[in-house]
Amino acid sequence: MAQIDDLPPLREVIRRHGLSAKKTLGQNFLLDLNLTARIARAAEPLDGATVIEVGPGPGGLTRALLALGASRVIAIERDQRAVAALEEIAARYPDRLEIVAGDALEFDYSAHLGGTRAKIIANLPYNIATALLINWLTVEPWPPWYDRLVLMFQREVAERIVAAPGSKSYGRLSILAGWRTQPKILFDIHPSAFVPPPKVTSSVVEFVPRATPLACDRRMLERVTEAAFGQRRKMLRQSLKTLGTDPLPLLAEAGIEPTARAEDIPVEGFVALANALNDPHFARFDSSWVGTALPLLQAGTLATMAFELIAPLYLVWLYYAETADRPGRLRALCNRLRLRWLWIGLGVAFHIGIAVFLRIGVFPWAMLAMYPVLLRPAEVSRLGQRLRRMLVPANRASSPS
């Protein structure tokens, strides 16, 4: 193993500071200094560069970045045990290593840099790698405060990032990465290079930001991709219904066949869909209200179910009461208020709302089929009442006075 500086070997640093990798922090330490130098060289030139590193651990990549000429390295480390090891590196490279003890997901990068452009080079903790990448890909304004990302991911995640349309790995992450950057897998790293060794191969991925990505509202793009890949096996004419607008004119505006599936549409197609959805003509309502209104809908559903349990008993009682010509105050009041039509109308409205907006399957539609059956006793009751009105006067007229 090549020695890039005169600091102690990484295994000795780990032993002295008790840096056993924590699974809860997604830690897998890369101890091969040849590999850390290779990762650092992938982001060259480093001379005079400002570099942000997330999760430096014992500092193997940190040492490579400083040895290859980075003028400033900002190392963000959440594990307090690693801070002491990083301070030894800071003493070796005075005024060039800044240690930030904190959470990389909450760190304000732009404010900390103060207008200076930077590179992000990191062996990311696996448990927050995707979340960090999405944060960096969605920064505003664009072009971003960084000029390159060189990041390590699990091989499976790396394949999703660079996947092309038509592949099984193609998805929302592929579109977001391909829309604003040019991602490329540089090389793989075998599990044996890490301590402890992970169960999967890792890959180093380079992201070069596009100076002028296709014009698009990021939030609309996220809505479209979420809807499309939420049901990726369905045709877009079906999966895009969750956007709250008719998908057919939306697809026509974007120039996409309604029978196409999400995994076959390139980034340009999703950008066109997002732009079409952003048109006020198509953006009729935001379906995100469903989550806020869900408790109300659930309460309404329970009330409807109570009506459905009580109403058949009431209708049966009403039928026999009318047949026996014993109207009573309750029946008269119910007829006056027409409650039997009220509960049927409420039930139909709630079930249609649940079926259309919450998309919970065929059960609500099956419940709708009950209403004609439940209506039948009421209709029979009305028919019997009309017949009595017609027949009773005739009988009275024919009887002897």
Protein backbone atom coordinates (compact mmCIF):
# COMPACT_ATOMS: atom_id res chain seq x y z
CA MET A 1 0.00 0.00 0.00
CA ALA A 2 1.44 3.36 -1.05
CA GLN A 3 2.11 5.89 1.68
CA ILE A 4 0.68 9.28 0.67
CA ASP A 5 1.90 11.12 3.78
CA ASP A 6 3.82 10.55 7.01
CA LEU A 7 0.74 9.98 9.16
CA PRO A 8 0.16 6.60 10.86
CA PRO A 9 -1.55 3.78 8.90
CA LEU A 10 -5.33 3.84 9.03
CA ARG A 11 -5.60 0.55 10.92
CA GLU A 12 -3.48 2.00 13.71
CA VAL A 13 -5.64 5.16 13.77
CA ILE A 14 -8.77 3.03 14.07
CA ARG A 15 -7.27 0.99 16.86
CA ARG A 16 -6.06 3.98 18.88
CA HIS A 17 -9.35 5.85 18.66
CA GLY A 18 -11.65 2.85 19.00
CA LEU A 19 -13.33 3.49 15.65
CA SER A 20 -15.35 0.35 15.23
CA ALA A 21 -17.80 0.90 12.37
CA LYS A 22 -21.39 1.58 13.45
CA LYS A 23 -24.12 0.05 11.35
CA THR A 24 -26.58 2.68 12.54
CA LEU A 25 -24.40 5.33 10.89
CA GLY A 26 -23.96 3.33 7.69
CA GLN A 27 -20.18 3.16 8.22
CA ASN A 28 -17.81 1.03 6.15
CA PHE A 29 -14.25 2.35 6.38
CA LEU A 30 -12.11 2.32 3.24
CA LEU A 31 -8.55 1.61 4.43
CA ASP A 32 -6.70 1.12 1.13
CA LEU A 33 -4.90 4.42 0.53
CA ASN A 34 -4.35 3.49 -3.11
CA LEU A 35 -8.12 3.44 -3.59
CA THR A 36 -8.69 6.66 -1.66
CA ALA A 37 -6.10 8.36 -3.86
CA ARG A 38 -7.81 6.96 -6.97
CA ILE A 39 -11.13 8.43 -5.85
CA ALA A 40 -9.48 11.80 -5.19
CA ARG A 41 -7.74 11.80 -8.60
CA ALA A 42 -11.12 11.20 -10.30
CA ALA A 43 -12.05 14.77 -9.34
CA GLU A 44 -8.84 16.42 -10.54
CA PRO A 45 -7.66 19.08 -10.82
CA LEU A 46 -7.58 19.57 -7.04
CA ASP A 47 -4.89 22.24 -6.83
CA GLY A 48 -6.44 25.22 -5.05
CA ALA A 49 -9.87 23.54 -4.91
CA THR A 50 -12.38 23.62 -2.07
CA VAL A 51 -13.71 20.13 -1.34
CA ILE A 52 -16.61 18.98 0.80
CA GLU A 53 -16.35 15.47 2.21
CA VAL A 54 -19.22 13.76 4.02
CA GLY A 55 -18.51 10.94 6.45
CA PRO A 56 -14.69 10.97 6.46
CA GLY A 57 -14.42 8.45 9.30
CA PRO A 58 -10.73 7.83 10.13
CA GLY A 59 -9.73 10.15 7.28
CA GLY A 60 -8.37 7.95 4.49
CA LEU A 61 -9.97 9.96 1.68
CA THR A 62 -9.35 13.20 3.56
CA ARG A 63 -5.63 12.56 3.58
CA ALA A 64 -5.64 11.78 -0.16
CA LEU A 65 -7.50 14.99 -0.99
CA LEU A 66 -5.06 17.12 1.00
CA ALA A 67 -1.99 15.29 -0.32
CA LEU A 68 -3.14 15.86 -3.92
CA GLY A 69 -3.38 19.61 -3.44
CA ALA A 70 -6.86 20.59 -2.21
CA SER A 71 -6.48 23.99 -0.56
CA ARG A 72 -9.49 23.53 1.72
CA VAL A 73 -11.34 20.40 2.79
CA ILE A 74 -14.56 20.72 4.77
CA ALA A 75 -15.11 17.37 6.49
CA ILE A 76 -18.62 16.83 7.87
CA GLU A 77 -18.64 14.03 10.43
CA ARG A 78 -21.51 13.01 12.71
CA ASP A 79 -19.50 10.42 14.70
CA GLN A 80 -17.77 12.24 17.55
CA ARG A 81 -15.25 9.38 17.89
CA ALA A 82 -13.80 10.25 14.49
CA VAL A 83 -13.28 13.92 15.26
CA ALA A 84 -10.12 13.23 17.30
CA ALA A 85 -8.61 11.26 14.41
CA LEU A 86 -9.44 14.05 11.98
CA GLU A 87 -7.80 16.61 14.27
CA GLU A 88 -4.50 14.75 13.86
CA ILE A 89 -4.83 15.25 10.10
CA ALA A 90 -5.68 18.92 10.63
CA ALA A 91 -2.47 19.33 12.62
CA ARG A 92 -0.50 17.78 9.75
CA TYR A 93 -2.13 20.16 7.19
CA PRO A 94 -2.52 23.49 9.06
CA ASP A 95 -5.38 25.77 7.96
CA ARG A 96 -6.49 23.38 5.23
CA LEU A 97 -8.86 21.01 7.00
CA GLU A 98 -12.07 22.28 8.57
CA ILE A 99 -13.94 19.73 10.70
CA VAL A 100 -17.70 20.16 11.07
CA ALA A 101 -19.28 17.91 13.68
CA GLY A 102 -22.88 17.60 12.53
CA ASP A 103 -25.47 16.09 10.25
CA ALA A 104 -24.78 16.43 6.53
CA LEU A 105 -28.52 16.37 5.77
CA GLU A 106 -29.04 19.56 7.78
CA PHE A 107 -25.84 21.38 6.85
CA ASP A 108 -26.21 24.69 4.94
CA TYR A 109 -23.55 24.22 2.28
CA SER A 110 -24.12 27.39 0.29
CA ALA A 111 -24.04 29.67 3.33
CA HIS A 112 -20.92 27.98 4.68
CA LEU A 113 -19.04 28.36 1.41
CA GLY A 114 -19.87 32.05 1.12
CA GLY A 115 -20.01 32.09 -2.68
CA THR A 116 -16.99 29.84 -3.24
CA ARG A 117 -17.58 26.98 -5.67
CA ALA A 118 -16.65 23.54 -4.42
CA LYS A 119 -16.40 19.86 -5.30
CA ILE A 120 -18.13 17.16 -3.29
CA ILE A 121 -16.01 14.03 -2.98
CA ALA A 122 -17.13 11.41 -0.53
CA ASN A 123 -17.52 7.78 0.45
CA LEU A 124 -21.09 8.41 1.51
CA PRO A 125 -22.67 6.58 4.47
CA TYR A 126 -24.96 4.07 2.77
CA ASN A 127 -28.00 4.86 4.91
CA ILE A 128 -28.21 8.52 3.80
CA ALA A 129 -26.48 8.40 0.40
CA THR A 130 -29.63 8.66 -1.73
CA ALA A 131 -31.16 11.38 0.44
CA LEU A 132 -27.99 13.46 0.21
CA LEU A 133 -27.81 13.05 -3.55
CA ILE A 134 -31.42 14.17 -4.01
CA ASN A 135 -30.75 17.22 -1.84
CA TRP A 136 -27.76 18.16 -4.00
CA LEU A 137 -29.60 17.54 -7.27
CA THR A 138 -32.54 19.73 -6.26
CA VAL A 139 -30.69 22.80 -4.98
CA GLU A 140 -31.85 26.18 -6.18
CA PRO A 141 -30.79 28.22 -8.03
CA TRP A 142 -29.12 26.22 -10.79
CA PRO A 143 -26.21 25.99 -11.77
CA PRO A 144 -25.37 24.92 -8.20
CA TRP A 145 -22.63 25.92 -5.81
CA TYR A 146 -20.61 22.78 -6.74
CA ASP A 147 -18.93 22.04 -10.05
CA ARG A 148 -18.61 18.26 -9.68
CA LEU A 149 -19.71 15.35 -7.53
CA VAL A 150 -17.59 12.23 -7.10
CA LEU A 151 -19.50 9.92 -4.80
CA MET A 152 -19.51 6.29 -3.76
CA PHE A 153 -22.73 4.26 -3.68
CA GLN A 154 -23.79 0.67 -3.50
CA ARG A 155 -23.59 -0.80 -6.99
CA GLU A 156 -27.36 -1.24 -7.18
CA VAL A 157 -27.95 2.45 -6.42
CA ALA A 158 -25.28 3.49 -8.92
CA GLU A 159 -27.01 1.45 -11.63
CA ARG A 160 -30.31 3.17 -10.85
CA ILE A 161 -28.62 6.57 -11.14
CA VAL A 162 -27.16 5.98 -14.61
CA ALA A 163 -29.91 3.69 -15.96
CA ALA A 164 -31.24 4.35 -19.45
CA PRO A 165 -34.90 4.16 -20.55
CA GLY A 166 -36.08 0.62 -21.10
CA SER A 167 -34.00 -0.94 -18.33
CA LYS A 168 -35.38 -2.39 -15.11
CA SER A 169 -33.25 -0.01 -13.03
CA TYR A 170 -34.63 3.09 -14.75
CA GLY A 171 -36.71 5.20 -12.38
CA ARG A 172 -37.22 8.49 -10.59
CA LEU A 173 -33.59 8.74 -9.46
CA SER A 174 -32.36 8.15 -13.04
CA ILE A 175 -34.54 10.98 -14.34
CA LEU A 176 -33.59 13.47 -11.64
CA ALA A 177 -29.87 12.74 -12.08
CA GLY A 178 -30.03 12.77 -15.87
CA TRP A 179 -32.08 15.96 -16.02
CA ARG A 180 -29.59 18.21 -14.25
CA THR A 181 -26.29 16.34 -14.49
CA GLN A 182 -24.34 13.91 -16.63
CA PRO A 183 -23.80 10.89 -14.36
CA LYS A 184 -21.24 8.19 -15.10
CA ILE A 185 -19.93 5.15 -13.20
CA LEU A 186 -16.13 5.46 -13.02
CA PHE A 187 -15.10 2.19 -11.35
CA ASP A 188 -16.14 -0.44 -8.82
CA ILE A 189 -14.63 -1.26 -5.43
CA HIS A 190 -14.70 -4.80 -4.07
CA PRO A 191 -16.24 -5.37 -0.61
CA SER A 192 -12.90 -6.68 0.72
CA ALA A 193 -11.44 -3.17 0.56
CA PHE A 194 -13.70 -2.04 3.43
CA VAL A 195 -13.79 -2.64 7.16
CA PRO A 196 -16.17 -4.23 7.86
CA PRO A 197 -16.73 -5.57 4.33
CA PRO A 198 -20.24 -4.84 3.04
CA LYS A 199 -22.31 -7.54 1.36
CA VAL A 200 -22.38 -5.69 -1.98
CA THR A 201 -19.94 -4.12 -4.43
CA SER A 202 -19.57 -0.34 -4.35
CA SER A 203 -19.27 2.03 -7.30
CA VAL A 204 -17.77 5.49 -7.67
CA VAL A 205 -20.05 7.78 -9.70
CA GLU A 206 -19.20 11.15 -11.23
CA PHE A 207 -21.83 13.86 -11.72
CA VAL A 208 -21.05 16.85 -13.94
CA PRO A 209 -23.76 19.55 -13.62
CA ARG A 210 -25.41 20.66 -16.86
CA ALA A 211 -25.02 24.39 -17.34
CA THR A 212 -28.47 24.70 -18.95
CA PRO A 213 -30.71 21.72 -18.20
CA LEU A 214 -34.08 21.51 -19.93
CA ALA A 215 -36.42 24.17 -18.57
CA CYS A 216 -38.80 22.58 -16.10
CA ASP A 217 -40.41 23.15 -12.71
CA ARG A 218 -38.68 20.70 -10.40
CA ARG A 219 -41.76 20.11 -8.24
CA MET A 220 -43.86 19.30 -11.28
CA LEU A 221 -41.21 16.89 -12.52
CA GLU A 222 -41.21 15.14 -9.14
CA ARG A 223 -45.02 14.89 -9.21
CA VAL A 224 -45.05 13.41 -12.69
CA THR A 225 -42.33 10.85 -11.98
CA GLU A 226 -43.91 9.88 -8.67
CA ALA A 227 -47.23 9.23 -10.39
CA ALA A 228 -45.72 7.40 -13.36
CA PHE A 229 -43.38 5.12 -11.42
CA GLY A 230 -45.83 4.61 -8.56
CA GLN A 231 -47.53 2.16 -10.92
CA ARG A 232 -44.69 1.50 -13.35
CA ARG A 233 -46.26 -1.61 -14.88
CA LYS A 234 -49.36 0.28 -15.96
CA MET A 235 -49.75 2.40 -19.06
CA LEU A 236 -49.34 6.12 -18.53
CA ARG A 237 -52.97 6.77 -19.41
CA GLN A 238 -53.81 4.90 -16.20
CA SER A 239 -50.90 5.70 -13.85
CA LEU A 240 -51.09 9.46 -14.45
CA LYS A 241 -54.70 9.66 -13.24
CA THR A 242 -53.35 10.25 -9.74
CA LEU A 243 -52.22 13.72 -10.91
CA GLY A 244 -55.84 14.88 -10.71
CA THR A 245 -56.31 15.69 -14.37
CA ASP A 246 -57.27 13.82 -17.51
CA PRO A 247 -54.01 12.16 -18.63
CA LEU A 248 -54.96 11.87 -22.31
CA PRO A 249 -54.69 15.58 -23.25
CA LEU A 250 -51.65 15.83 -20.99
CA LEU A 251 -49.91 13.02 -22.89
CA ALA A 252 -50.99 14.49 -26.23
CA GLU A 253 -49.48 17.85 -25.26
CA ALA A 254 -46.19 16.12 -24.37
CA GLY A 255 -46.22 14.02 -27.56
CA ILE A 256 -46.28 10.69 -25.70
CA GLU A 257 -48.38 7.66 -26.59
CA PRO A 258 -51.03 6.91 -23.93
CA THR A 259 -50.11 3.21 -24.07
CA ALA A 260 -46.46 3.87 -23.18
CA ARG A 261 -45.08 2.88 -19.78
CA ALA A 262 -42.95 4.98 -17.46
CA GLU A 263 -39.80 2.90 -17.90
CA ASP A 264 -39.78 3.62 -21.66
CA ILE A 265 -39.98 7.43 -21.49
CA PRO A 266 -36.69 9.39 -21.66
CA VAL A 267 -35.88 12.37 -19.48
CA GLU A 268 -37.03 14.74 -22.23
CA GLY A 269 -40.46 13.10 -22.22
CA PHE A 270 -40.91 13.55 -18.49
CA VAL A 271 -39.79 17.17 -18.75
CA ALA A 272 -42.44 17.71 -21.44
CA LEU A 273 -45.06 16.10 -19.20
CA ALA A 274 -44.03 18.32 -16.27
CA ASN A 275 -44.26 21.43 -18.43
CA ALA A 276 -47.68 20.39 -19.71
CA LEU A 277 -48.88 19.78 -16.15
CA ASN A 278 -47.57 23.19 -15.14
CA ASP A 279 -49.89 24.73 -17.73
CA PRO A 280 -52.92 26.16 -15.84
CA HIS A 281 -55.16 24.45 -18.39
CA PHE A 282 -54.07 21.06 -17.06
CA ALA A 283 -53.25 21.77 -13.42
CA ARG A 284 -56.90 21.66 -12.31
CA PHE A 285 -56.23 20.72 -8.72
CA ASP A 286 -53.46 19.47 -6.52
CA SER A 287 -54.19 15.92 -5.36
CA SER A 288 -52.02 16.48 -2.27
CA TRP A 289 -55.20 17.68 -0.50
CA VAL A 290 -56.23 14.03 -0.19
CA GLY A 291 -53.68 13.44 2.56
CA THR A 292 -54.99 16.42 4.53
CA ALA A 293 -58.63 15.43 4.03
CA LEU A 294 -58.06 11.75 4.75
CA PRO A 295 -59.30 11.84 8.40
CA LEU A 296 -62.52 13.55 7.26
CA LEU A 297 -63.03 10.98 4.52
CA GLN A 298 -62.43 8.17 6.97
CA ALA A 299 -64.97 9.59 9.40
CA GLY A 300 -67.44 9.96 6.56
CA THR A 301 -66.84 6.38 5.54
CA LEU A 302 -67.58 5.13 9.06
CA ALA A 303 -70.78 7.20 9.15
CA THR A 304 -71.81 5.77 5.80
CA MET A 305 -71.19 2.24 7.01
CA ALA A 306 -73.41 2.93 10.02
CA PHE A 307 -76.17 4.12 7.68
CA GLU A 308 -75.75 0.95 5.62
CA LEU A 309 -76.16 -1.25 8.69
CA ILE A 310 -79.23 0.56 10.02
CA ALA A 311 -81.00 1.39 6.79
CA PRO A 312 -81.99 -2.14 5.69
CA LEU A 313 -83.58 -2.76 9.10
CA TYR A 314 -85.40 0.53 8.87
CA LEU A 315 -86.65 -0.20 5.36
CA VAL A 316 -87.95 -3.61 6.38
CA TRP A 317 -89.74 -2.07 9.37
CA LEU A 318 -91.12 0.69 7.16
CA TYR A 319 -92.47 -1.80 4.66
CA TYR A 320 -94.38 -3.80 7.28
CA ALA A 321 -95.55 -0.68 9.05
CA GLU A 322 -97.04 0.69 5.83
CA THR A 323 -98.54 -2.67 4.95
CA ALA A 324 -100.29 -2.86 8.33
CA ASP A 325 -101.40 0.74 7.93
CA ARG A 326 -99.65 1.80 11.17
CA PRO A 327 -97.65 4.88 10.10
CA GLY A 328 -96.67 6.16 13.54
CA ARG A 329 -94.84 9.41 14.31
CA LEU A 330 -91.36 8.08 13.47
CA ARG A 331 -92.39 6.80 10.02
CA ALA A 332 -94.22 10.02 9.25
CA LEU A 333 -91.18 12.09 10.27
CA CYS A 334 -88.82 9.91 8.23
CA ASN A 335 -91.06 10.13 5.18
CA ARG A 336 -91.32 13.87 5.58
CA LEU A 337 -87.55 14.31 5.75
CA ARG A 338 -86.99 11.62 3.12
CA LEU A 339 -84.15 10.13 5.13
CA ARG A 340 -84.11 6.98 3.06
CA TRP A 341 -83.00 9.08 0.07
CA LEU A 342 -80.59 11.10 2.21
CA TRP A 343 -78.59 8.13 3.45
CA ILE A 344 -78.53 6.60 -0.02
CA GLY A 345 -77.21 9.86 -1.50
CA LEU A 346 -74.55 10.19 1.19
CA GLY A 347 -73.48 6.60 0.76
CA VAL A 348 -73.14 6.93 -3.00
CA ALA A 349 -71.17 10.20 -2.68
CA PHE A 350 -68.73 8.85 -0.12
CA HIS A 351 -68.14 5.60 -1.95
CA ILE A 352 -67.50 7.32 -5.25
CA GLY A 353 -65.11 9.72 -3.53
CA ILE A 354 -63.20 6.90 -1.92
CA ALA A 355 -63.03 4.87 -5.12
CA VAL A 356 -61.91 7.74 -7.34
CA PHE A 357 -59.58 9.75 -5.10
CA LEU A 358 -58.15 7.20 -2.67
CA ARG A 359 -57.93 4.43 -5.28
CA ILE A 360 -58.40 1.62 -2.78
CA GLY A 361 -59.72 -0.97 -5.20
CA VAL A 362 -63.05 -2.45 -6.22
CA PHE A 363 -64.63 -2.68 -2.76
CA PRO A 364 -66.39 0.75 -2.91
CA TRP A 365 -67.79 -0.09 -6.33
CA ALA A 366 -69.02 -3.43 -5.04
CA MET A 367 -70.75 -1.61 -2.19
CA LEU A 368 -72.50 0.64 -4.71
CA ALA A 369 -74.18 -2.45 -6.16
CA MET A 370 -76.05 -2.82 -2.85
CA TYR A 371 -78.04 0.36 -3.29
CA PRO A 372 -80.52 -0.91 -5.91
CA VAL A 373 -81.19 -3.89 -3.63
CA LEU A 374 -81.73 -1.65 -0.62
CA LEU A 375 -83.98 0.61 -2.63
CA ARG A 376 -86.34 -2.19 -3.48
CA PRO A 377 -88.21 -2.34 -0.13
CA ALA A 378 -88.83 1.39 -0.25
CA GLU A 379 -90.15 1.17 -3.77
CA VAL A 380 -92.35 -1.78 -2.86
CA SER A 381 -93.64 0.18 0.11
CA ARG A 382 -94.56 3.15 -2.09
CA LEU A 383 -96.24 0.90 -4.63
CA GLY A 384 -98.30 -0.79 -1.89
CA GLN A 385 -99.37 2.56 -0.52
CA ARG A 386 -100.51 3.75 -3.92
CA LEU A 387 -102.43 0.53 -4.50
CA ARG A 388 -104.25 0.91 -1.18
CA ARG A 389 -105.21 4.46 -2.06
CA MET A 390 -106.61 3.25 -5.35
CA LEU A 391 -108.45 0.18 -3.97
CA VAL A 392 -109.82 1.37 -0.64
CA PRO A 393 -112.04 4.14 -2.06
CA ALA A 394 -113.41 1.69 -4.65
CA ASN A 395 -114.30 -0.87 -1.96
CA ARG A 396 -116.02 1.77 0.12
CA ALA A 397 -118.03 2.94 -2.86
CA SER A 398 -119.30 -0.62 -3.57
CA SER A 399 -120.29 -1.40 0.04
CA PRO A 400 -123.95 -0.93 1.14
CA SER A 401 -124.69 2.23 2.98
